[in-house]
Amino acid sequence: MIKMILLSAVKLFVNYIKYFFLTFIVLLSLLMVLFVILNIKSDFSFDFLKYFSFVNAIFNKETYVMHTKEVMQIFSIISLLVYAFMGIIKYLINKIFNLKLEVSLKNKLIILFSFITLVFFVTIFLIKYKKIDNDLYISFIAVYIFNIIVTFFYLTISTLSNWINNQIIKFTE
């Protein structure tokens, strides 16, 4: 019983650390996406954020300042919607085609690294295309490498969390 409580406490701590890495990934990727959007269309409107006012009333205002908390609130809603959508897709594929979809760690790595690489590739292409200062070019490559490293740590800690969860399940059987 004590072993299960300790494992649960360790799992909570590991998940807490894991979400620090996820926050870095989200913020760095969002920074690059915003850079791309604002360079393509400098008068881009963020009015679509008003649809997230049910999460935070600040998004209903004409002007506001977004901090990490507000960004992560929006990310959590979008993640929840994507997770629900993927759950429905998995259920339908299981019922219609009698297939069970499992995303392995290898596939998660490929998907995450591909997304991050695509975002940064477009950013770096824009820097070269728009003739922006070369110091930014080097900075974005450094941020890209940092983001890949953080993503690797996130997935490693996520794997550790899953392992701890499997150990807890073994104790309850």
N, C-alpha and C. Protein backbone atom coordinates (compact mmCIF):
# COMPACT_ATOMS: atom_id res chain seq x y z
N MET A 1 0.82 -1.20 0.00
CA MET A 1 0.00 0.00 0.00
C MET A 1 0.87 1.27 0.00
N ILE A 2 1.91 1.27 0.84
CA ILE A 2 2.80 2.42 0.92
C ILE A 2 3.57 2.58 -0.39
N LYS A 3 3.94 1.45 -0.98
CA LYS A 3 4.66 1.49 -2.25
C LYS A 3 3.79 2.14 -3.35
N MET A 4 2.50 1.81 -3.36
CA MET A 4 1.58 2.38 -4.35
C MET A 4 1.40 3.88 -4.11
N ILE A 5 1.32 4.31 -2.87
CA ILE A 5 1.19 5.73 -2.55
C ILE A 5 2.45 6.48 -2.98
N LEU A 6 3.62 5.89 -2.71
CA LEU A 6 4.87 6.52 -3.13
C LEU A 6 4.96 6.60 -4.65
N LEU A 7 4.59 5.53 -5.34
CA LEU A 7 4.60 5.56 -6.80
C LEU A 7 3.65 6.62 -7.34
N SER A 8 2.49 6.75 -6.73
CA SER A 8 1.53 7.77 -7.15
C SER A 8 2.08 9.17 -6.93
N ALA A 9 2.74 9.38 -5.81
CA ALA A 9 3.35 10.69 -5.53
C ALA A 9 4.46 10.99 -6.53
N VAL A 10 5.28 9.99 -6.83
CA VAL A 10 6.36 10.17 -7.81
C VAL A 10 5.76 10.47 -9.19
N LYS A 11 4.68 9.77 -9.54
CA LYS A 11 4.03 10.01 -10.83
C LYS A 11 3.51 11.45 -10.91
N LEU A 12 2.90 11.95 -9.85
CA LEU A 12 2.42 13.33 -9.84
C LEU A 12 3.57 14.31 -10.03
N PHE A 13 4.68 14.06 -9.35
CA PHE A 13 5.84 14.92 -9.48
C PHE A 13 6.42 14.87 -10.90
N VAL A 14 6.52 13.67 -11.46
CA VAL A 14 7.04 13.51 -12.81
C VAL A 14 6.14 14.22 -13.82
N ASN A 15 4.83 14.08 -13.66
CA ASN A 15 3.90 14.78 -14.56
C ASN A 15 4.01 16.29 -14.41
N TYR A 16 4.22 16.75 -13.20
CA TYR A 16 4.39 18.18 -12.96
C TYR A 16 5.60 18.70 -13.73
N ILE A 17 6.71 17.97 -13.66
CA ILE A 17 7.92 18.34 -14.39
C ILE A 17 7.68 18.24 -15.90
N LYS A 18 6.98 17.20 -16.32
CA LYS A 18 6.70 16.98 -17.74
C LYS A 18 5.97 18.19 -18.34
N TYR A 19 5.05 18.77 -17.61
CA TYR A 19 4.27 19.88 -18.14
C TYR A 19 5.08 21.18 -18.23
N PHE A 20 6.16 21.28 -17.47
CA PHE A 20 7.07 22.42 -17.68
C PHE A 20 7.67 22.35 -19.08
N PHE A 21 8.09 21.14 -19.46
CA PHE A 21 8.66 20.96 -20.80
C PHE A 21 7.61 21.20 -21.87
N LEU A 22 6.39 20.72 -21.65
CA LEU A 22 5.32 20.95 -22.62
C LEU A 22 5.04 22.45 -22.78
N THR A 23 5.07 23.19 -21.69
CA THR A 23 4.85 24.64 -21.77
C THR A 23 5.93 25.29 -22.62
N PHE A 24 7.18 24.89 -22.45
CA PHE A 24 8.26 25.42 -23.29
C PHE A 24 8.01 25.12 -24.76
N ILE A 25 7.62 23.88 -25.06
CA ILE A 25 7.37 23.48 -26.44
C ILE A 25 6.27 24.34 -27.04
N VAL A 26 5.18 24.49 -26.32
CA VAL A 26 4.04 25.27 -26.82
C VAL A 26 4.44 26.73 -27.04
N LEU A 27 5.10 27.32 -26.07
CA LEU A 27 5.45 28.74 -26.18
C LEU A 27 6.48 29.00 -27.29
N LEU A 28 7.48 28.15 -27.40
CA LEU A 28 8.48 28.35 -28.46
C LEU A 28 7.86 28.15 -29.85
N SER A 29 7.02 27.13 -29.99
CA SER A 29 6.38 26.90 -31.28
C SER A 29 5.40 28.02 -31.60
N LEU A 30 4.67 28.48 -30.60
CA LEU A 30 3.73 29.59 -30.82
C LEU A 30 4.47 30.86 -31.21
N LEU A 31 5.60 31.09 -30.60
CA LEU A 31 6.42 32.24 -30.96
C LEU A 31 6.79 32.20 -32.44
N MET A 32 7.18 31.05 -32.92
CA MET A 32 7.55 30.91 -34.33
C MET A 32 6.33 31.08 -35.23
N VAL A 33 5.20 30.49 -34.84
CA VAL A 33 3.98 30.62 -35.65
C VAL A 33 3.56 32.09 -35.72
N LEU A 34 3.61 32.77 -34.60
CA LEU A 34 3.25 34.20 -34.60
C LEU A 34 4.21 35.02 -35.46
N PHE A 35 5.48 34.69 -35.40
CA PHE A 35 6.47 35.38 -36.24
C PHE A 35 6.12 35.19 -37.72
N VAL A 36 5.78 33.96 -38.10
CA VAL A 36 5.42 33.68 -39.48
C VAL A 36 4.15 34.43 -39.87
N ILE A 37 3.13 34.34 -39.04
CA ILE A 37 1.85 35.00 -39.35
C ILE A 37 2.04 36.51 -39.49
N LEU A 38 2.74 37.11 -38.56
CA LEU A 38 2.89 38.56 -38.58
C LEU A 38 3.81 39.04 -39.71
N ASN A 39 4.68 38.17 -40.19
CA ASN A 39 5.51 38.54 -41.33
C ASN A 39 4.77 38.36 -42.65
N ILE A 40 3.87 37.41 -42.70
CA ILE A 40 3.08 37.22 -43.92
C ILE A 40 2.00 38.30 -44.01
N LYS A 41 1.34 38.52 -42.90
CA LYS A 41 0.24 39.50 -42.88
C LYS A 41 0.39 40.35 -41.62
N SER A 42 1.01 41.50 -41.75
CA SER A 42 1.32 42.32 -40.58
C SER A 42 0.08 42.89 -39.91
N ASP A 43 -1.04 42.99 -40.61
CA ASP A 43 -2.27 43.51 -40.00
C ASP A 43 -3.20 42.38 -39.58
N PHE A 44 -2.63 41.22 -39.26
CA PHE A 44 -3.39 40.05 -38.83
C PHE A 44 -4.21 40.39 -37.58
N SER A 45 -5.47 39.96 -37.58
CA SER A 45 -6.35 40.25 -36.46
C SER A 45 -6.47 39.02 -35.55
N PHE A 46 -6.41 39.27 -34.28
CA PHE A 46 -6.56 38.20 -33.30
C PHE A 46 -7.98 38.17 -32.73
N ASP A 47 -8.94 38.64 -33.51
CA ASP A 47 -10.34 38.66 -33.06
C ASP A 47 -10.88 37.26 -32.77
N PHE A 48 -10.31 36.24 -33.41
CA PHE A 48 -10.79 34.88 -33.20
C PHE A 48 -10.64 34.45 -31.74
N LEU A 49 -9.78 35.14 -30.99
CA LEU A 49 -9.59 34.77 -29.59
C LEU A 49 -10.83 35.03 -28.74
N LYS A 50 -11.76 35.84 -29.23
CA LYS A 50 -12.98 36.10 -28.47
C LYS A 50 -13.79 34.83 -28.28
N TYR A 51 -13.57 33.82 -29.13
CA TYR A 51 -14.28 32.55 -28.98
C TYR A 51 -13.80 31.76 -27.77
N PHE A 52 -12.69 32.18 -27.21
CA PHE A 52 -12.16 31.54 -26.01
C PHE A 52 -12.54 32.31 -24.75
N SER A 53 -13.47 33.24 -24.86
CA SER A 53 -13.85 34.05 -23.70
C SER A 53 -14.53 33.23 -22.61
N PHE A 54 -15.05 32.05 -22.94
CA PHE A 54 -15.65 31.20 -21.91
C PHE A 54 -14.57 30.64 -20.98
N VAL A 55 -13.33 30.65 -21.43
CA VAL A 55 -12.21 30.20 -20.60
C VAL A 55 -11.70 31.35 -19.73
N ASN A 56 -11.58 32.52 -20.37
CA ASN A 56 -11.07 33.69 -19.68
C ASN A 56 -11.76 34.92 -20.28
N ALA A 57 -12.43 35.69 -19.44
CA ALA A 57 -13.20 36.85 -19.91
C ALA A 57 -12.32 37.93 -20.55
N ILE A 58 -11.03 37.87 -20.33
CA ILE A 58 -10.13 38.87 -20.89
C ILE A 58 -10.18 38.89 -22.42
N PHE A 59 -10.51 37.75 -23.04
CA PHE A 59 -10.51 37.65 -24.50
C PHE A 59 -11.69 38.41 -25.13
N ASN A 60 -12.64 38.83 -24.34
CA ASN A 60 -13.77 39.63 -24.85
C ASN A 60 -13.41 41.11 -24.99
N LYS A 61 -12.35 41.53 -24.34
CA LYS A 61 -11.98 42.94 -24.37
C LYS A 61 -11.38 43.31 -25.71
N GLU A 62 -11.40 44.60 -26.00
CA GLU A 62 -10.83 45.11 -27.26
C GLU A 62 -9.32 44.93 -27.29
N THR A 63 -8.65 45.26 -26.18
CA THR A 63 -7.20 45.06 -26.08
C THR A 63 -6.90 44.37 -24.75
N TYR A 64 -5.89 43.56 -24.77
CA TYR A 64 -5.47 42.86 -23.57
C TYR A 64 -4.04 42.36 -23.76
N VAL A 65 -3.46 41.97 -22.66
CA VAL A 65 -2.10 41.42 -22.68
C VAL A 65 -2.21 39.93 -22.35
N MET A 66 -1.56 39.12 -23.17
CA MET A 66 -1.56 37.68 -22.92
C MET A 66 -0.25 37.28 -22.26
N HIS A 67 -0.41 36.50 -21.22
CA HIS A 67 0.75 35.94 -20.53
C HIS A 67 0.73 34.43 -20.74
N THR A 68 1.66 33.76 -20.12
CA THR A 68 1.75 32.31 -20.27
C THR A 68 0.45 31.63 -19.86
N LYS A 69 -0.18 32.11 -18.81
CA LYS A 69 -1.42 31.49 -18.32
C LYS A 69 -2.49 31.51 -19.41
N GLU A 70 -2.68 32.64 -20.06
CA GLU A 70 -3.71 32.74 -21.09
C GLU A 70 -3.38 31.88 -22.30
N VAL A 71 -2.13 31.84 -22.69
CA VAL A 71 -1.72 31.00 -23.82
C VAL A 71 -1.99 29.53 -23.50
N MET A 72 -1.64 29.11 -22.30
CA MET A 72 -1.83 27.71 -21.93
C MET A 72 -3.31 27.37 -21.75
N GLN A 73 -4.15 28.35 -21.37
CA GLN A 73 -5.58 28.10 -21.30
C GLN A 73 -6.13 27.79 -22.70
N ILE A 74 -5.73 28.57 -23.68
CA ILE A 74 -6.17 28.33 -25.05
C ILE A 74 -5.62 26.99 -25.53
N PHE A 75 -4.35 26.71 -25.25
CA PHE A 75 -3.75 25.45 -25.66
C PHE A 75 -4.50 24.27 -25.04
N SER A 76 -4.89 24.40 -23.77
CA SER A 76 -5.59 23.29 -23.11
C SER A 76 -6.95 23.02 -23.75
N ILE A 77 -7.67 24.07 -24.14
CA ILE A 77 -8.96 23.88 -24.80
C ILE A 77 -8.77 23.23 -26.16
N ILE A 78 -7.83 23.74 -26.93
CA ILE A 78 -7.57 23.17 -28.26
C ILE A 78 -7.11 21.71 -28.13
N SER A 79 -6.25 21.43 -27.15
CA SER A 79 -5.79 20.06 -26.92
C SER A 79 -6.94 19.15 -26.54
N LEU A 80 -7.84 19.64 -25.69
CA LEU A 80 -9.00 18.86 -25.29
C LEU A 80 -9.88 18.54 -26.50
N LEU A 81 -10.10 19.52 -27.36
CA LEU A 81 -10.92 19.29 -28.55
C LEU A 81 -10.26 18.29 -29.50
N VAL A 82 -8.95 18.43 -29.70
CA VAL A 82 -8.23 17.49 -30.56
C VAL A 82 -8.27 16.08 -29.95
N TYR A 83 -8.07 16.00 -28.63
CA TYR A 83 -8.10 14.70 -27.95
C TYR A 83 -9.48 14.06 -28.09
N ALA A 84 -10.55 14.84 -27.91
CA ALA A 84 -11.91 14.31 -28.06
C ALA A 84 -12.15 13.87 -29.50
N PHE A 85 -11.72 14.68 -30.45
CA PHE A 85 -11.89 14.34 -31.86
C PHE A 85 -11.14 13.04 -32.19
N MET A 86 -9.92 12.92 -31.72
CA MET A 86 -9.15 11.71 -31.97
C MET A 86 -9.78 10.50 -31.27
N GLY A 87 -10.36 10.71 -30.11
CA GLY A 87 -11.06 9.62 -29.42
C GLY A 87 -12.25 9.13 -30.23
N ILE A 88 -12.98 10.05 -30.82
CA ILE A 88 -14.13 9.68 -31.66
C ILE A 88 -13.64 8.93 -32.90
N ILE A 89 -12.58 9.44 -33.53
CA ILE A 89 -12.02 8.78 -34.72
C ILE A 89 -11.56 7.36 -34.37
N LYS A 90 -10.83 7.22 -33.25
CA LYS A 90 -10.37 5.89 -32.84
C LYS A 90 -11.55 4.95 -32.61
N TYR A 91 -12.58 5.45 -31.94
CA TYR A 91 -13.77 4.64 -31.66
C TYR A 91 -14.43 4.20 -32.96
N LEU A 92 -14.61 5.14 -33.91
CA LEU A 92 -15.25 4.80 -35.17
C LEU A 92 -14.42 3.80 -35.98
N ILE A 93 -13.12 3.99 -36.01
CA ILE A 93 -12.25 3.04 -36.74
C ILE A 93 -12.31 1.67 -36.10
N ASN A 94 -12.37 1.64 -34.77
CA ASN A 94 -12.46 0.37 -34.05
C ASN A 94 -13.79 -0.32 -34.37
N LYS A 95 -14.89 0.43 -34.38
CA LYS A 95 -16.21 -0.16 -34.62
C LYS A 95 -16.43 -0.52 -36.09
N ILE A 96 -16.01 0.35 -37.01
CA ILE A 96 -16.27 0.13 -38.43
C ILE A 96 -15.30 -0.90 -39.02
N PHE A 97 -14.00 -0.73 -38.76
CA PHE A 97 -12.99 -1.58 -39.39
C PHE A 97 -12.40 -2.62 -38.45
N ASN A 98 -12.83 -2.61 -37.19
CA ASN A 98 -12.35 -3.53 -36.18
C ASN A 98 -10.83 -3.46 -36.02
N LEU A 99 -10.29 -2.23 -36.08
CA LEU A 99 -8.87 -1.98 -35.89
C LEU A 99 -8.66 -1.18 -34.62
N LYS A 100 -7.57 -1.44 -33.95
CA LYS A 100 -7.24 -0.66 -32.76
C LYS A 100 -6.03 0.20 -33.07
N LEU A 101 -6.20 1.52 -32.98
CA LEU A 101 -5.11 2.45 -33.27
C LEU A 101 -4.31 2.73 -32.00
N GLU A 102 -3.05 2.50 -32.08
CA GLU A 102 -2.14 2.83 -30.99
C GLU A 102 -1.02 3.68 -31.57
N VAL A 103 -0.70 4.76 -30.89
CA VAL A 103 0.40 5.62 -31.33
C VAL A 103 1.62 5.28 -30.48
N SER A 104 2.62 4.72 -31.12
CA SER A 104 3.83 4.33 -30.41
C SER A 104 4.68 5.56 -30.10
N LEU A 105 5.65 5.37 -29.25
CA LEU A 105 6.57 6.46 -28.91
C LEU A 105 7.31 6.93 -30.16
N LYS A 106 7.68 5.98 -31.02
CA LYS A 106 8.37 6.33 -32.26
C LYS A 106 7.50 7.24 -33.12
N ASN A 107 6.22 6.91 -33.25
CA ASN A 107 5.31 7.75 -34.05
C ASN A 107 5.08 9.11 -33.40
N LYS A 108 5.01 9.14 -32.08
CA LYS A 108 4.87 10.42 -31.39
C LYS A 108 6.08 11.30 -31.66
N LEU A 109 7.26 10.68 -31.60
CA LEU A 109 8.49 11.43 -31.90
C LEU A 109 8.46 11.99 -33.31
N ILE A 110 8.07 11.15 -34.26
CA ILE A 110 8.03 11.59 -35.66
C ILE A 110 7.04 12.73 -35.84
N ILE A 111 5.87 12.61 -35.26
CA ILE A 111 4.83 13.64 -35.41
C ILE A 111 5.28 14.95 -34.76
N LEU A 112 5.73 14.89 -33.51
CA LEU A 112 6.15 16.12 -32.82
C LEU A 112 7.35 16.78 -33.49
N PHE A 113 8.37 16.00 -33.79
CA PHE A 113 9.56 16.58 -34.41
C PHE A 113 9.25 17.12 -35.81
N SER A 114 8.37 16.44 -36.54
CA SER A 114 7.99 16.93 -37.87
C SER A 114 7.25 18.25 -37.78
N PHE A 115 6.33 18.35 -36.83
CA PHE A 115 5.58 19.60 -36.66
C PHE A 115 6.53 20.75 -36.29
N ILE A 116 7.36 20.50 -35.32
CA ILE A 116 8.30 21.54 -34.88
C ILE A 116 9.24 21.93 -36.01
N THR A 117 9.73 20.92 -36.73
CA THR A 117 10.63 21.20 -37.85
C THR A 117 9.92 22.00 -38.94
N LEU A 118 8.69 21.65 -39.24
CA LEU A 118 7.92 22.38 -40.26
C LEU A 118 7.74 23.85 -39.86
N VAL A 119 7.35 24.08 -38.63
CA VAL A 119 7.15 25.46 -38.16
C VAL A 119 8.45 26.25 -38.25
N PHE A 120 9.53 25.67 -37.81
CA PHE A 120 10.80 26.38 -37.84
C PHE A 120 11.35 26.52 -39.26
N PHE A 121 11.11 25.53 -40.11
CA PHE A 121 11.55 25.61 -41.50
C PHE A 121 10.86 26.78 -42.19
N VAL A 122 9.55 26.90 -41.98
CA VAL A 122 8.80 28.02 -42.58
C VAL A 122 9.31 29.34 -42.02
N THR A 123 9.59 29.38 -40.72
CA THR A 123 10.11 30.60 -40.11
C THR A 123 11.46 30.99 -40.72
N ILE A 124 12.36 30.03 -40.82
CA ILE A 124 13.68 30.32 -41.37
C ILE A 124 13.59 30.69 -42.84
N PHE A 125 12.70 30.03 -43.59
CA PHE A 125 12.49 30.39 -44.99
C PHE A 125 12.02 31.83 -45.11
N LEU A 126 11.09 32.23 -44.23
CA LEU A 126 10.61 33.61 -44.26
C LEU A 126 11.72 34.60 -43.95
N ILE A 127 12.57 34.25 -43.02
CA ILE A 127 13.68 35.14 -42.68
C ILE A 127 14.56 35.36 -43.90
N LYS A 128 14.87 34.29 -44.61
CA LYS A 128 15.71 34.41 -45.80
C LYS A 128 14.96 35.11 -46.93
N TYR A 129 13.69 34.78 -47.11
CA TYR A 129 12.88 35.33 -48.19
C TYR A 129 12.62 36.83 -47.99
N LYS A 130 12.35 37.21 -46.77
CA LYS A 130 12.01 38.61 -46.46
C LYS A 130 13.26 39.46 -46.22
N LYS A 131 14.41 38.88 -46.35
CA LYS A 131 15.68 39.60 -46.14
C LYS A 131 15.75 40.22 -44.74
N ILE A 132 15.43 39.42 -43.77
CA ILE A 132 15.49 39.87 -42.38
C ILE A 132 16.91 39.64 -41.88
N ASP A 133 17.29 40.36 -40.87
CA ASP A 133 18.65 40.32 -40.31
C ASP A 133 19.11 38.87 -40.07
N ASN A 134 20.33 38.57 -40.47
CA ASN A 134 20.88 37.22 -40.33
C ASN A 134 21.05 36.79 -38.88
N ASP A 135 21.14 37.76 -37.96
CA ASP A 135 21.23 37.40 -36.54
C ASP A 135 19.96 36.66 -36.11
N LEU A 136 18.82 37.05 -36.67
CA LEU A 136 17.57 36.35 -36.37
C LEU A 136 17.63 34.92 -36.90
N TYR A 137 18.21 34.75 -38.05
CA TYR A 137 18.36 33.43 -38.66
C TYR A 137 19.09 32.49 -37.70
N ILE A 138 20.21 32.94 -37.18
CA ILE A 138 21.00 32.14 -36.24
C ILE A 138 20.23 31.92 -34.94
N SER A 139 19.53 32.94 -34.48
CA SER A 139 18.74 32.83 -33.25
C SER A 139 17.65 31.79 -33.39
N PHE A 140 16.96 31.80 -34.53
CA PHE A 140 15.88 30.84 -34.72
C PHE A 140 16.40 29.41 -34.85
N ILE A 141 17.56 29.24 -35.43
CA ILE A 141 18.15 27.90 -35.49
C ILE A 141 18.48 27.43 -34.07
N ALA A 142 19.00 28.31 -33.25
CA ALA A 142 19.30 27.96 -31.86
C ALA A 142 18.02 27.63 -31.10
N VAL A 143 16.97 28.40 -31.31
CA VAL A 143 15.68 28.13 -30.65
C VAL A 143 15.12 26.80 -31.13
N TYR A 144 15.27 26.50 -32.43
CA TYR A 144 14.81 25.23 -32.98
C TYR A 144 15.52 24.06 -32.29
N ILE A 145 16.84 24.14 -32.19
CA ILE A 145 17.60 23.07 -31.55
C ILE A 145 17.17 22.92 -30.08
N PHE A 146 16.99 24.05 -29.41
CA PHE A 146 16.53 24.02 -28.02
C PHE A 146 15.15 23.38 -27.92
N ASN A 147 14.25 23.71 -28.85
CA ASN A 147 12.90 23.16 -28.83
C ASN A 147 12.92 21.65 -29.07
N ILE A 148 13.79 21.18 -29.96
CA ILE A 148 13.91 19.74 -30.20
C ILE A 148 14.41 19.03 -28.94
N ILE A 149 15.38 19.63 -28.26
CA ILE A 149 15.91 19.04 -27.03
C ILE A 149 14.82 18.99 -25.96
N VAL A 150 14.07 20.08 -25.81
CA VAL A 150 12.99 20.12 -24.83
C VAL A 150 11.93 19.08 -25.16
N THR A 151 11.62 18.92 -26.44
CA THR A 151 10.64 17.92 -26.86
C THR A 151 11.13 16.52 -26.53
N PHE A 152 12.39 16.26 -26.74
CA PHE A 152 12.96 14.97 -26.38
C PHE A 152 12.80 14.72 -24.87
N PHE A 153 13.11 15.71 -24.05
CA PHE A 153 12.95 15.55 -22.60
C PHE A 153 11.48 15.34 -22.23
N TYR A 154 10.59 16.06 -22.88
CA TYR A 154 9.16 15.90 -22.62
C TYR A 154 8.73 14.46 -22.90
N LEU A 155 9.12 13.93 -24.05
CA LEU A 155 8.73 12.57 -24.41
C LEU A 155 9.39 11.53 -23.51
N THR A 156 10.63 11.79 -23.09
CA THR A 156 11.31 10.88 -22.17
C THR A 156 10.60 10.85 -20.82
N ILE A 157 10.25 12.02 -20.32
CA ILE A 157 9.55 12.08 -19.03
C ILE A 157 8.14 11.50 -19.16
N SER A 158 7.52 11.69 -20.31
CA SER A 158 6.20 11.10 -20.56
C SER A 158 6.28 9.58 -20.54
N THR A 159 7.34 9.03 -21.13
CA THR A 159 7.55 7.58 -21.11
C THR A 159 7.76 7.09 -19.67
N LEU A 160 8.53 7.84 -18.89
CA LEU A 160 8.73 7.50 -17.48
C LEU A 160 7.40 7.51 -16.72
N SER A 161 6.58 8.51 -17.00
CA SER A 161 5.27 8.61 -16.35
C SER A 161 4.39 7.41 -16.71
N ASN A 162 4.42 7.01 -17.97
CA ASN A 162 3.64 5.83 -18.39
C ASN A 162 4.16 4.57 -17.71
N TRP A 163 5.47 4.46 -17.58
CA TRP A 163 6.05 3.30 -16.90
C TRP A 163 5.59 3.26 -15.45
N ILE A 164 5.63 4.40 -14.77
CA ILE A 164 5.18 4.47 -13.37
C ILE A 164 3.71 4.09 -13.28
N ASN A 165 2.90 4.58 -14.23
CA ASN A 165 1.48 4.23 -14.25
C ASN A 165 1.29 2.73 -14.40
N ASN A 166 2.08 2.08 -15.26
CA ASN A 166 2.00 0.62 -15.42
C ASN A 166 2.39 -0.10 -14.14
N GLN A 167 3.36 0.44 -13.41
CA GLN A 167 3.75 -0.16 -12.13
C GLN A 167 2.62 -0.05 -11.11
N ILE A 168 1.93 1.09 -11.12
CA ILE A 168 0.79 1.27 -10.21
C ILE A 168 -0.31 0.29 -10.54
N ILE A 169 -0.57 0.09 -11.83
CA ILE A 169 -1.61 -0.86 -12.26
C ILE A 169 -1.24 -2.28 -11.82
N LYS A 170 0.05 -2.63 -11.92
CA LYS A 170 0.48 -3.98 -11.50
C LYS A 170 0.22 -4.19 -10.01
N PHE A 171 0.41 -3.13 -9.19
CA PHE A 171 0.18 -3.26 -7.75
C PHE A 171 -1.28 -3.40 -7.41
N THR A 172 -2.16 -2.85 -8.24
CA THR A 172 -3.58 -2.91 -7.93
C THR A 172 -4.22 -4.22 -8.40
N GLU A 173 -3.52 -4.98 -9.22
CA GLU A 173 -4.08 -6.25 -9.72
C GLU A 173 -3.97 -7.35 -8.71
